[in-house]
Amino acid sequence: MELDISTSSEGASCTIALDGEVDVYTSARLRQELADVMDADCVHIVVDLESLAFIDSSGLGVLVSALRRVKERGGTLRLVCTKDGILKIFRITGLDKVFPLFTTVEEAREF
């Protein structure tokens, strides 16, 4: 499966929407997209996982690295997800305690 990434920005806030799968083959594209928005001075990043079908440990690692990097810059990284299968992965790994999780992009954008 492929990974489609779309990005929108509004001031210092960026939203990255993911559609498809984030795995060992596609995680490098996500890593690069996150780096690009941070380099473009996005301080607050929302990653929309609503259309994501699957994420593996390499994808989770990319998100954790991005969270660390954005926090070093005084920013935030928030996730939007309501899909039980994806949320279960975050719960099992304990990352639901690390990432702020929201049900809508609008809710996640309220800083």
N, C-alpha and C. Protein backbone atom coordinates (compact mmCIF):
# COMPACT_ATOMS: atom_id res chain seq x y z
N MET A 1 0.84 -1.18 0.00
CA MET A 1 0.00 0.00 0.00
C MET A 1 0.88 1.25 0.00
N GLU A 2 0.37 2.29 -0.50
CA GLU A 2 1.07 3.56 -0.60
C GLU A 2 0.74 4.46 0.60
N LEU A 3 1.45 5.54 0.66
CA LEU A 3 1.16 6.58 1.64
C LEU A 3 1.01 7.89 0.90
N ASP A 4 -0.15 8.50 1.04
CA ASP A 4 -0.39 9.83 0.50
C ASP A 4 -0.31 10.82 1.66
N ILE A 5 0.43 11.90 1.44
CA ILE A 5 0.62 12.92 2.46
C ILE A 5 0.18 14.25 1.88
N SER A 6 -0.72 14.93 2.60
CA SER A 6 -1.08 16.29 2.18
C SER A 6 -0.86 17.22 3.37
N THR A 7 -0.34 18.39 3.05
CA THR A 7 0.02 19.35 4.10
C THR A 7 -0.65 20.68 3.83
N SER A 8 -1.17 21.28 4.89
CA SER A 8 -1.70 22.64 4.80
C SER A 8 -1.14 23.43 5.96
N SER A 9 -0.97 24.72 5.74
CA SER A 9 -0.43 25.55 6.82
C SER A 9 -1.26 26.81 6.97
N GLU A 10 -1.25 27.28 8.20
CA GLU A 10 -1.96 28.50 8.57
C GLU A 10 -1.11 29.19 9.63
N GLY A 11 -0.32 30.14 9.21
CA GLY A 11 0.60 30.81 10.13
C GLY A 11 1.65 29.84 10.61
N ALA A 12 1.80 29.74 11.92
CA ALA A 12 2.80 28.84 12.52
C ALA A 12 2.23 27.45 12.79
N SER A 13 1.03 27.19 12.26
CA SER A 13 0.37 25.90 12.46
C SER A 13 0.29 25.15 11.14
N CYS A 14 0.65 23.87 11.16
CA CYS A 14 0.58 23.02 9.96
C CYS A 14 -0.19 21.75 10.28
N THR A 15 -0.94 21.29 9.30
CA THR A 15 -1.65 20.02 9.42
C THR A 15 -1.14 19.08 8.34
N ILE A 16 -0.76 17.90 8.75
CA ILE A 16 -0.30 16.86 7.84
C ILE A 16 -1.32 15.73 7.89
N ALA A 17 -1.98 15.46 6.78
CA ALA A 17 -2.97 14.39 6.70
C ALA A 17 -2.34 13.18 6.02
N LEU A 18 -2.49 12.02 6.64
CA LEU A 18 -1.91 10.79 6.12
C LEU A 18 -3.02 9.86 5.64
N ASP A 19 -2.80 9.26 4.49
CA ASP A 19 -3.76 8.32 3.92
C ASP A 19 -2.99 7.12 3.40
N GLY A 20 -3.28 5.95 3.94
CA GLY A 20 -2.59 4.73 3.51
C GLY A 20 -1.92 4.05 4.69
N GLU A 21 -0.65 3.69 4.50
CA GLU A 21 0.09 2.96 5.53
C GLU A 21 1.44 3.62 5.79
N VAL A 22 1.81 3.70 7.07
CA VAL A 22 3.15 4.15 7.45
C VAL A 22 3.87 2.91 7.97
N ASP A 23 4.86 2.47 7.19
CA ASP A 23 5.63 1.29 7.56
C ASP A 23 7.09 1.53 7.22
N VAL A 24 7.87 0.48 7.27
CA VAL A 24 9.31 0.61 7.04
C VAL A 24 9.60 1.19 5.65
N TYR A 25 8.71 0.98 4.71
CA TYR A 25 8.92 1.46 3.34
C TYR A 25 8.50 2.92 3.15
N THR A 26 7.52 3.39 3.92
CA THR A 26 7.00 4.74 3.72
C THR A 26 7.36 5.72 4.82
N SER A 27 7.94 5.24 5.91
CA SER A 27 8.22 6.11 7.05
C SER A 27 9.23 7.21 6.72
N ALA A 28 10.14 6.95 5.79
CA ALA A 28 11.12 7.98 5.40
C ALA A 28 10.43 9.18 4.78
N ARG A 29 9.36 8.96 4.02
CA ARG A 29 8.61 10.07 3.42
C ARG A 29 7.94 10.91 4.51
N LEU A 30 7.39 10.24 5.52
CA LEU A 30 6.78 10.98 6.63
C LEU A 30 7.83 11.76 7.40
N ARG A 31 8.98 11.14 7.65
CA ARG A 31 10.07 11.82 8.36
C ARG A 31 10.48 13.09 7.62
N GLN A 32 10.60 12.99 6.30
CA GLN A 32 11.01 14.14 5.49
C GLN A 32 9.93 15.23 5.50
N GLU A 33 8.67 14.84 5.42
CA GLU A 33 7.58 15.83 5.44
C GLU A 33 7.55 16.57 6.78
N LEU A 34 7.71 15.85 7.87
CA LEU A 34 7.74 16.50 9.18
C LEU A 34 8.94 17.44 9.29
N ALA A 35 10.10 17.01 8.81
CA ALA A 35 11.29 17.87 8.83
C ALA A 35 11.06 19.12 7.99
N ASP A 36 10.43 18.95 6.83
CA ASP A 36 10.18 20.09 5.94
C ASP A 36 9.27 21.13 6.59
N VAL A 37 8.21 20.69 7.27
CA VAL A 37 7.31 21.68 7.88
C VAL A 37 7.98 22.36 9.07
N MET A 38 8.81 21.63 9.79
CA MET A 38 9.53 22.26 10.90
C MET A 38 10.55 23.27 10.37
N ASP A 39 11.22 22.92 9.28
CA ASP A 39 12.19 23.84 8.68
C ASP A 39 11.50 25.07 8.09
N ALA A 40 10.22 24.94 7.77
CA ALA A 40 9.44 26.07 7.24
C ALA A 40 8.80 26.86 8.38
N ASP A 41 9.32 26.70 9.60
CA ASP A 41 8.88 27.44 10.78
C ASP A 41 7.48 27.10 11.27
N CYS A 42 7.03 25.89 11.02
CA CYS A 42 5.79 25.42 11.64
C CYS A 42 6.12 25.05 13.08
N VAL A 43 5.46 25.70 14.00
CA VAL A 43 5.72 25.47 15.42
C VAL A 43 4.71 24.48 15.99
N HIS A 44 3.48 24.55 15.52
CA HIS A 44 2.41 23.67 15.99
C HIS A 44 2.01 22.76 14.84
N ILE A 45 2.18 21.46 15.05
CA ILE A 45 1.92 20.49 14.00
C ILE A 45 0.81 19.55 14.44
N VAL A 46 -0.17 19.38 13.55
CA VAL A 46 -1.25 18.42 13.75
C VAL A 46 -1.09 17.34 12.70
N VAL A 47 -1.02 16.09 13.13
CA VAL A 47 -0.95 14.97 12.20
C VAL A 47 -2.29 14.25 12.24
N ASP A 48 -2.98 14.29 11.11
CA ASP A 48 -4.31 13.69 10.97
C ASP A 48 -4.16 12.24 10.53
N LEU A 49 -4.51 11.31 11.41
CA LEU A 49 -4.39 9.88 11.15
C LEU A 49 -5.73 9.24 10.78
N GLU A 50 -6.74 10.04 10.53
CA GLU A 50 -8.08 9.51 10.29
C GLU A 50 -8.18 8.60 9.07
N SER A 51 -7.36 8.82 8.06
CA SER A 51 -7.41 7.97 6.86
C SER A 51 -6.28 6.95 6.83
N LEU A 52 -5.57 6.83 7.94
CA LEU A 52 -4.46 5.89 8.02
C LEU A 52 -5.01 4.48 8.24
N ALA A 53 -4.52 3.53 7.45
CA ALA A 53 -4.96 2.15 7.58
C ALA A 53 -4.06 1.34 8.51
N PHE A 54 -2.76 1.76 8.62
CA PHE A 54 -1.79 0.97 9.37
C PHE A 54 -0.60 1.83 9.72
N ILE A 55 -0.02 1.58 10.89
CA ILE A 55 1.25 2.20 11.27
C ILE A 55 2.04 1.15 12.04
N ASP A 56 3.34 1.02 11.72
CA ASP A 56 4.18 0.07 12.43
C ASP A 56 5.18 0.81 13.31
N SER A 57 6.11 0.06 13.89
CA SER A 57 7.05 0.66 14.84
C SER A 57 7.95 1.71 14.19
N SER A 58 8.25 1.55 12.91
CA SER A 58 9.08 2.57 12.25
C SER A 58 8.31 3.88 12.13
N GLY A 59 7.03 3.80 11.85
CA GLY A 59 6.20 5.00 11.79
C GLY A 59 6.05 5.65 13.15
N LEU A 60 5.88 4.83 14.18
CA LEU A 60 5.79 5.37 15.54
C LEU A 60 7.10 6.06 15.92
N GLY A 61 8.21 5.47 15.52
CA GLY A 61 9.52 6.07 15.79
C GLY A 61 9.68 7.43 15.14
N VAL A 62 9.17 7.57 13.92
CA VAL A 62 9.21 8.86 13.22
C VAL A 62 8.42 9.90 14.00
N LEU A 63 7.24 9.52 14.48
CA LEU A 63 6.41 10.46 15.23
C LEU A 63 7.07 10.86 16.55
N VAL A 64 7.67 9.90 17.24
CA VAL A 64 8.35 10.20 18.51
C VAL A 64 9.53 11.14 18.27
N SER A 65 10.31 10.88 17.23
CA SER A 65 11.45 11.76 16.91
C SER A 65 10.98 13.17 16.57
N ALA A 66 9.90 13.26 15.81
CA ALA A 66 9.36 14.57 15.45
C ALA A 66 8.84 15.31 16.69
N LEU A 67 8.22 14.58 17.60
CA LEU A 67 7.73 15.20 18.83
C LEU A 67 8.89 15.78 19.63
N ARG A 68 9.95 15.02 19.75
CA ARG A 68 11.13 15.49 20.49
C ARG A 68 11.70 16.75 19.83
N ARG A 69 11.82 16.72 18.52
CA ARG A 69 12.39 17.86 17.79
C ARG A 69 11.51 19.11 17.90
N VAL A 70 10.21 18.94 17.76
CA VAL A 70 9.32 20.11 17.82
C VAL A 70 9.26 20.68 19.24
N LYS A 71 9.35 19.82 20.25
CA LYS A 71 9.37 20.31 21.64
C LYS A 71 10.64 21.11 21.93
N GLU A 72 11.76 20.69 21.33
CA GLU A 72 13.01 21.43 21.50
C GLU A 72 12.89 22.84 20.96
N ARG A 73 12.00 23.02 20.01
CA ARG A 73 11.77 24.34 19.41
C ARG A 73 10.61 25.09 20.07
N GLY A 74 10.09 24.54 21.15
CA GLY A 74 9.00 25.19 21.88
C GLY A 74 7.64 25.00 21.24
N GLY A 75 7.51 23.99 20.39
CA GLY A 75 6.25 23.76 19.68
C GLY A 75 5.48 22.56 20.21
N THR A 76 4.46 22.18 19.44
CA THR A 76 3.61 21.05 19.81
C THR A 76 3.40 20.15 18.61
N LEU A 77 3.16 18.88 18.89
CA LEU A 77 2.76 17.92 17.88
C LEU A 77 1.57 17.16 18.43
N ARG A 78 0.44 17.29 17.75
CA ARG A 78 -0.80 16.67 18.20
C ARG A 78 -1.31 15.72 17.13
N LEU A 79 -1.95 14.64 17.57
CA LEU A 79 -2.47 13.64 16.65
C LEU A 79 -3.99 13.63 16.67
N VAL A 80 -4.57 13.41 15.49
CA VAL A 80 -6.02 13.26 15.36
C VAL A 80 -6.28 11.82 14.96
N CYS A 81 -7.03 11.09 15.80
CA CYS A 81 -7.33 9.70 15.49
C CYS A 81 -8.54 9.23 16.29
N THR A 82 -9.47 8.59 15.58
CA THR A 82 -10.61 7.97 16.24
C THR A 82 -10.72 6.49 15.87
N LYS A 83 -9.83 5.99 15.02
CA LYS A 83 -9.90 4.60 14.56
C LYS A 83 -9.37 3.67 15.63
N ASP A 84 -10.20 2.71 16.02
CA ASP A 84 -9.84 1.80 17.10
C ASP A 84 -8.54 1.04 16.85
N GLY A 85 -8.32 0.58 15.62
CA GLY A 85 -7.12 -0.18 15.32
C GLY A 85 -5.85 0.62 15.52
N ILE A 86 -5.87 1.87 15.11
CA ILE A 86 -4.69 2.74 15.27
C ILE A 86 -4.54 3.15 16.73
N LEU A 87 -5.65 3.50 17.37
CA LEU A 87 -5.60 3.88 18.79
C LEU A 87 -5.08 2.73 19.66
N LYS A 88 -5.43 1.50 19.30
CA LYS A 88 -4.96 0.34 20.05
C LYS A 88 -3.44 0.25 20.04
N ILE A 89 -2.83 0.56 18.89
CA ILE A 89 -1.37 0.54 18.79
C ILE A 89 -0.76 1.58 19.73
N PHE A 90 -1.37 2.76 19.79
CA PHE A 90 -0.87 3.80 20.68
C PHE A 90 -1.04 3.38 22.15
N ARG A 91 -2.16 2.73 22.48
CA ARG A 91 -2.39 2.28 23.85
C ARG A 91 -1.41 1.19 24.25
N ILE A 92 -1.21 0.20 23.37
CA ILE A 92 -0.32 -0.93 23.67
C ILE A 92 1.11 -0.45 23.91
N THR A 93 1.55 0.52 23.13
CA THR A 93 2.92 1.02 23.25
C THR A 93 3.07 2.09 24.33
N GLY A 94 1.96 2.55 24.90
CA GLY A 94 2.01 3.60 25.91
C GLY A 94 2.14 4.99 25.31
N LEU A 95 2.11 5.09 23.99
CA LEU A 95 2.27 6.39 23.34
C LEU A 95 1.01 7.25 23.44
N ASP A 96 -0.09 6.66 23.87
CA ASP A 96 -1.29 7.48 24.12
C ASP A 96 -1.07 8.41 25.31
N LYS A 97 -0.06 8.13 26.12
CA LYS A 97 0.30 9.00 27.25
C LYS A 97 1.33 10.05 26.84
N VAL A 98 1.97 9.85 25.69
CA VAL A 98 3.02 10.73 25.21
C VAL A 98 2.47 11.79 24.26
N PHE A 99 1.58 11.36 23.37
CA PHE A 99 1.00 12.26 22.37
C PHE A 99 -0.37 12.75 22.80
N PRO A 100 -0.64 14.04 22.63
CA PRO A 100 -2.01 14.51 22.81
C PRO A 100 -2.85 14.00 21.64
N LEU A 101 -3.93 13.28 21.95
CA LEU A 101 -4.81 12.72 20.93
C LEU A 101 -6.13 13.47 20.90
N PHE A 102 -6.60 13.76 19.70
CA PHE A 102 -7.83 14.52 19.52
C PHE A 102 -8.74 13.79 18.53
N THR A 103 -10.03 14.16 18.54
CA THR A 103 -10.98 13.51 17.65
C THR A 103 -11.20 14.26 16.35
N THR A 104 -10.83 15.54 16.30
CA THR A 104 -10.97 16.32 15.06
C THR A 104 -9.77 17.23 14.89
N VAL A 105 -9.52 17.60 13.65
CA VAL A 105 -8.43 18.53 13.35
C VAL A 105 -8.72 19.88 14.00
N GLU A 106 -9.96 20.31 13.95
CA GLU A 106 -10.34 21.59 14.53
C GLU A 106 -10.02 21.63 16.03
N GLU A 107 -10.35 20.57 16.71
CA GLU A 107 -10.08 20.48 18.15
C GLU A 107 -8.57 20.49 18.41
N ALA A 108 -7.81 19.79 17.59
CA ALA A 108 -6.35 19.72 17.77
C ALA A 108 -5.68 21.04 17.48
N ARG A 109 -6.29 21.87 16.64
CA ARG A 109 -5.69 23.16 16.27
C ARG A 109 -5.91 24.25 17.31
N GLU A 110 -6.72 23.99 18.32
CA GLU A 110 -6.97 24.98 19.37
C GLU A 110 -5.79 24.99 20.34
N PHE A 111 -4.92 25.97 20.19
CA PHE A 111 -3.72 26.03 21.01
C PHE A 111 -3.91 26.94 22.18
